[in-house]
PDB file of N, CA and C in Angstrom:
ATOM      1  N   MET A   1      28.665  16.201   2.690  1.00  0.00           N
ATOM      2  CA  MET A   1      28.217  15.584   1.543  1.00  0.00           C
ATOM      3  C   MET A   1      28.772  13.905   1.026  1.00  0.00           C
ATOM      4  N   ASP A   2      29.887  14.009   1.552  1.00  0.00           N
ATOM      5  CA  ASP A   2      30.550  12.437   1.198  1.00  0.00           C
ATOM      6  C   ASP A   2      29.814  11.588   1.810  1.00  0.00           C
ATOM      7  N   THR A   3      29.172  11.731   2.863  1.00  0.00           N
ATOM      8  CA  THR A   3      28.459  10.638   3.604  1.00  0.00           C
ATOM      9  C   THR A   3      27.333  10.551   3.018  1.00  0.00           C
ATOM     10  N   VAL A   4      26.650  11.297   2.334  1.00  0.00           N
ATOM     11  CA  VAL A   4      25.368  11.174   1.399  1.00  0.00           C
ATOM     12  C   VAL A   4      25.788  10.312   0.319  1.00  0.00           C
ATOM     13  N   GLU A   5      26.709  10.681  -0.431  1.00  0.00           N
ATOM     14  CA  GLU A   5      27.236   9.956  -1.717  1.00  0.00           C
ATOM     15  C   GLU A   5      27.605   8.684  -1.428  1.00  0.00           C
ATOM     16  N   PHE A   6      28.053   8.324  -0.349  1.00  0.00           N
ATOM     17  CA  PHE A   6      28.734   7.147  -0.191  1.00  0.00           C
ATOM     18  C   PHE A   6      27.118   6.379   0.325  1.00  0.00           C
ATOM     19  N   PHE A   7      26.462   6.745   0.965  1.00  0.00           N
ATOM     20  CA  PHE A   7      25.190   6.153   1.255  1.00  0.00           C
ATOM     21  C   PHE A   7      24.249   5.843  -0.054  1.00  0.00           C
ATOM     22  N   TYR A   8      24.605   6.480  -1.044  1.00  0.00           N
ATOM     23  CA  TYR A   8      23.693   6.426  -2.032  1.00  0.00           C
ATOM     24  C   TYR A   8      24.368   5.479  -2.705  1.00  0.00           C
ATOM     25  N   ASP A   9      25.706   5.598  -3.176  1.00  0.00           N
ATOM     26  CA  ASP A   9      26.338   4.566  -3.910  1.00  0.00           C
ATOM     27  C   ASP A   9      26.087   2.707  -3.218  1.00  0.00           C
ATOM     28  N   PHE A  10      26.108   3.136  -1.689  1.00  0.00           N
ATOM     29  CA  PHE A  10      26.044   1.761  -1.041  1.00  0.00           C
ATOM     30  C   PHE A  10      24.543   1.499  -1.367  1.00  0.00           C
ATOM     31  N   LEU A  11      23.214   2.412  -1.281  1.00  0.00           N
ATOM     32  CA  LEU A  11      21.972   1.513  -1.794  1.00  0.00           C
ATOM     33  C   LEU A  11      21.733   1.187  -3.336  1.00  0.00           C
ATOM     34  N   ASN A  12      22.672   2.004  -4.217  1.00  0.00           N
ATOM     35  CA  ASN A  12      22.702   1.744  -5.723  1.00  0.00           C
ATOM     36  C   ASN A  12      23.274   0.062  -5.608  1.00  0.00           C
ATOM     37  N   LYS A  13      24.261  -0.119  -4.823  1.00  0.00           N
ATOM     38  CA  LYS A  13      25.189  -1.572  -5.017  1.00  0.00           C
ATOM     39  C   LYS A  13      23.995  -2.695  -4.440  1.00  0.00           C
ATOM     40  N   ILE A  14      23.431  -2.293  -3.431  1.00  0.00           N
ATOM     41  CA  ILE A  14      22.320  -3.484  -3.283  1.00  0.00           C
ATOM     42  C   ILE A  14      21.404  -3.654  -3.591  1.00  0.00           C
ATOM     43  N   GLY A  15      21.098  -2.690  -4.519  1.00  0.00           N
ATOM     44  CA  GLY A  15      19.813  -2.484  -5.582  1.00  0.00           C
ATOM     45  C   GLY A  15      18.224  -2.121  -4.991  1.00  0.00           C
ATOM     46  N   ALA A  16      18.831  -1.284  -3.778  1.00  0.00           N
ATOM     47  CA  ALA A  16      17.578  -0.462  -3.115  1.00  0.00           C
ATOM     48  C   ALA A  16      16.343   0.013  -4.172  1.00  0.00           C
ATOM     49  N   PRO A  17      16.784   0.877  -5.228  1.00  0.00           N
ATOM     50  CA  PRO A  17      15.867   1.475  -6.148  1.00  0.00           C
ATOM     51  C   PRO A  17      15.087   0.441  -6.667  1.00  0.00           C
ATOM     52  N   ASN A  18      15.369  -0.906  -6.689  1.00  0.00           N
ATOM     53  CA  ASN A  18      14.955  -2.141  -7.383  1.00  0.00           C
ATOM     54  C   ASN A  18      13.955  -2.599  -6.461  1.00  0.00           C
ATOM     55  N   ILE A  19      14.382  -3.023  -5.298  1.00  0.00           N
ATOM     56  CA  ILE A  19      13.622  -3.247  -4.200  1.00  0.00           C
ATOM     57  C   ILE A  19      12.247  -2.701  -4.109  1.00  0.00           C
ATOM     58  N   LEU A  20      12.781  -1.146  -3.822  1.00  0.00           N
ATOM     59  CA  LEU A  20      11.496   0.028  -3.908  1.00  0.00           C
ATOM     60  C   LEU A  20      10.569  -0.236  -4.861  1.00  0.00           C
ATOM     61  N   ALA A  21      10.957  -0.256  -6.024  1.00  0.00           N
ATOM     62  CA  ALA A  21      10.157  -0.300  -7.012  1.00  0.00           C
ATOM     63  C   ALA A  21       9.087  -1.536  -6.992  1.00  0.00           C
ATOM     64  N   VAL A  22       9.742  -2.438  -6.904  1.00  0.00           N
ATOM     65  CA  VAL A  22       9.097  -4.033  -6.454  1.00  0.00           C
ATOM     66  C   VAL A  22       7.797  -3.824  -5.656  1.00  0.00           C
ATOM     67  N   GLY A  23       8.205  -3.441  -4.293  1.00  0.00           N
ATOM     68  CA  GLY A  23       7.847  -3.078  -3.228  1.00  0.00           C
ATOM     69  C   GLY A  23       6.308  -2.381  -3.520  1.00  0.00           C
ATOM     70  N   ILE A  24       6.592  -1.145  -4.320  1.00  0.00           N
ATOM     71  CA  ILE A  24       5.616  -0.271  -4.711  1.00  0.00           C
ATOM     72  C   ILE A  24       4.505  -0.773  -5.441  1.00  0.00           C
ATOM     73  N   VAL A  25       5.204  -1.830  -6.498  1.00  0.00           N
ATOM     74  CA  VAL A  25       3.861  -2.791  -7.493  1.00  0.00           C
ATOM     75  C   VAL A  25       3.311  -3.957  -6.648  1.00  0.00           C
ATOM     76  N   LEU A  26       3.891  -4.448  -5.748  1.00  0.00           N
ATOM     77  CA  LEU A  26       3.235  -5.221  -4.886  1.00  0.00           C
ATOM     78  C   LEU A  26       2.139  -4.380  -4.247  1.00  0.00           C
ATOM     79  N   ILE A  27       2.492  -3.432  -3.440  1.00  0.00           N
ATOM     80  CA  ILE A  27       1.182  -3.033  -2.619  1.00  0.00           C
ATOM     81  C   ILE A  27      -0.018  -2.378  -3.446  1.00  0.00           C
ATOM     82  N   VAL A  28       0.539  -2.132  -4.499  1.00  0.00           N
ATOM     83  CA  VAL A  28      -0.610  -1.453  -5.731  1.00  0.00           C
ATOM     84  C   VAL A  28      -1.293  -2.772  -6.293  1.00  0.00           C
ATOM     85  N   LEU A  29      -0.909  -3.606  -6.197  1.00  0.00           N
ATOM     86  CA  LEU A  29      -1.357  -5.122  -7.018  1.00  0.00           C
ATOM     87  C   LEU A  29      -2.238  -5.439  -5.580  1.00  0.00           C
ATOM     88  N   TRP A  30      -1.798  -5.563  -4.431  1.00  0.00           N
ATOM     89  CA  TRP A  30      -2.568  -5.999  -3.372  1.00  0.00           C
ATOM     90  C   TRP A  30      -4.055  -5.130  -3.065  1.00  0.00           C
ATOM     91  N   LEU A  31      -3.718  -3.589  -3.232  1.00  0.00           N
ATOM     92  CA  LEU A  31      -4.924  -2.692  -3.106  1.00  0.00           C
ATOM     93  C   LEU A  31      -6.183  -3.231  -4.279  1.00  0.00           C
ATOM     94  N   LEU A  32      -5.274  -3.280  -5.528  1.00  0.00           N
ATOM     95  CA  LEU A  32      -6.340  -3.563  -6.572  1.00  0.00           C
ATOM     96  C   LEU A  32      -7.310  -5.070  -6.298  1.00  0.00           C
ATOM     97  N   ILE A  33      -6.463  -5.886  -6.197  1.00  0.00           N
ATOM     98  CA  ILE A  33      -6.887  -7.291  -5.995  1.00  0.00           C
ATOM     99  C   ILE A  33      -8.198  -7.287  -4.897  1.00  0.00           C
ATOM    100  N   SER A  34      -7.684  -6.722  -3.882  1.00  0.00           N
ATOM    101  CA  SER A  34      -8.527  -6.454  -2.503  1.00  0.00           C
ATOM    102  C   SER A  34      -9.564  -5.908  -2.897  1.00  0.00           C
ATOM    103  N   GLY A  35      -9.611  -4.585  -3.874  1.00  0.00           N
ATOM    104  CA  GLY A  35     -10.991  -3.692  -4.115  1.00  0.00           C
ATOM    105  C   GLY A  35     -11.710  -4.878  -5.373  1.00  0.00           C
ATOM    106  N   ILE A  36     -11.098  -5.555  -6.018  1.00  0.00           N
ATOM    107  CA  ILE A  36     -11.996  -6.152  -6.866  1.00  0.00           C
ATOM    108  C   ILE A  36     -12.802  -7.118  -6.386  1.00  0.00           C
ATOM    109  N   ARG A  37     -12.059  -7.894  -5.410  1.00  0.00           N
ATOM    110  CA  ARG A  37     -12.648  -9.298  -4.391  1.00  0.00           C
ATOM    111  C   ARG A  37     -14.048  -8.213  -3.834  1.00  0.00           C
ATOM    112  N   LYS A  38     -13.612  -7.445  -3.034  1.00  0.00           N
ATOM    113  CA  LYS A  38     -14.513  -6.426  -2.299  1.00  0.00           C
ATOM    114  C   LYS A  38     -15.943  -6.277  -3.080  1.00  0.00           C
ATOM    115  N   GLY A  39     -15.206  -5.650  -4.476  1.00  0.00           N
ATOM    116  CA  GLY A  39     -16.496  -5.461  -5.391  1.00  0.00           C
ATOM    117  C   GLY A  39     -17.369  -6.790  -5.971  1.00  0.00           C
ATOM    118  N   LEU A  40     -16.647  -7.616  -5.882  1.00  0.00           N
ATOM    119  CA  LEU A  40     -17.470  -8.961  -6.590  1.00  0.00           C
ATOM    120  C   LEU A  40     -18.279  -9.455  -5.494  1.00  0.00           C
ATOM    121  N   LYS A  41     -17.810  -9.402  -3.993  1.00  0.00           N
ATOM    122  CA  LYS A  41     -18.612  -9.771  -2.996  1.00  0.00           C
ATOM    123  C   LYS A  41     -19.867  -8.949  -2.866  1.00  0.00           C
ATOM    124  N   GLY A  42     -19.835  -7.601  -3.196  1.00  0.00           N
ATOM    125  CA  GLY A  42     -20.909  -6.800  -3.045  1.00  0.00           C
ATOM    126  C   GLY A  42     -20.474  -5.836  -2.330  1.00  0.00           C
ATOM    127  N   GLY A  43     -19.472  -5.595  -1.382  1.00  0.00           N
ATOM    128  CA  GLY A  43     -18.903  -4.938  -0.703  1.00  0.00           C
ATOM    129  C   GLY A  43     -19.796  -5.037   0.782  1.00  0.00           C
ATOM    130  N   ARG A  44     -19.575  -4.319   1.591  1.00  0.00           N
ATOM    131  CA  ARG A  44     -20.345  -3.987   2.748  1.00  0.00           C
ATOM    132  C   ARG A  44     -21.075  -3.001   2.924  1.00  0.00           C
ATOM    133  N   LYS A  45     -22.354  -3.289   3.224  1.00  0.00           N
ATOM    134  CA  LYS A  45     -23.422  -2.087   3.287  1.00  0.00           C
ATOM    135  C   LYS A  45     -23.621  -1.528   4.515  1.00  0.00           C
ATOM    136  N   ASP A  46     -23.019  -0.309   4.627  1.00  0.00           N
ATOM    137  CA  ASP A  46     -22.839   0.591   5.808  1.00  0.00           C
ATOM    138  C   ASP A  46     -23.935   1.633   5.905  1.00  0.00           C
ATOM    139  N   ASN A  47     -25.015   1.730   6.574  1.00  0.00           N
ATOM    140  CA  ASN A  47     -26.213   2.538   6.834  1.00  0.00           C
ATOM    141  C   ASN A  47     -25.952   3.489   7.981  1.00  0.00           C
ATOM    142  N   GLY A  48     -24.576   3.555   7.931  1.00  0.00           N
ATOM    143  CA  GLY A  48     -24.233   4.599   9.261  1.00  0.00           C
ATOM    144  C   GLY A  48     -23.973   4.383  10.367  1.00  0.00           C
ATOM    145  N   PRO A  49     -23.654   5.432  11.380  1.00  0.00           N
ATOM    146  CA  PRO A  49     -23.318   4.727  12.583  1.00  0.00           C
ATOM    147  C   PRO A  49     -24.431   4.140  13.416  1.00  0.00           C
ATOM    148  N   GLU A  50     -24.401   3.400  14.377  1.00  0.00           N
ATOM    149  CA  GLU A  50     -25.338   2.372  15.271  1.00  0.00           C
ATOM    150  C   GLU A  50     -26.159   3.757  16.062  1.00  0.00           C
ATOM    151  N   GLN A  51     -27.255   3.960  15.900  1.00  0.00           N
ATOM    152  CA  GLN A  51     -28.182   4.754  16.968  1.00  0.00           C
ATOM    153  C   GLN A  51     -29.067   3.780  17.788  1.00  0.00           C
ATOM    154  N   ASP A  52     -28.259   3.689  19.026  1.00  0.00           N
ATOM    155  CA  ASP A  52     -29.043   3.115  20.108  1.00  0.00           C
ATOM    156  C   ASP A  52     -29.872   3.651  21.075  1.00  0.00           C
ATOM    157  N   GLY A  53     -31.223   3.468  20.679  1.00  0.00           N
ATOM    158  CA  GLY A  53     -32.029   4.116  21.641  1.00  0.00           C
ATOM    159  C   GLY A  53     -32.239   5.645  21.395  1.00  0.00           C
ATOM    160  N   GLU A  54     -31.903   6.211  20.423  1.00  0.00           N
ATOM    161  CA  GLU A  54     -32.160   7.785  20.305  1.00  0.00           C
ATOM    162  C   GLU A  54     -33.380   7.868  19.585  1.00  0.00           C
ATOM    163  N   ASP A  55     -34.319   7.393  19.194  1.00  0.00           N
ATOM    164  CA  ASP A  55     -35.468   7.066  18.329  1.00  0.00           C
ATOM    165  C   ASP A  55     -36.767   8.084  18.991  1.00  0.00           C
TER     166      ASP A  55
END
């Protein structure tokens, strides 16, 4: 248990929880921005899988 506590203290000293929180916020913002951009462009119209010669 001493090793776990030492590792937790080490992560707190370098500010890992803050880095993790910033990383999560950046990922969420990137997903939102990419979704909005795709929505403004009209998105990709997908009519299903290609069916070559099955008519």
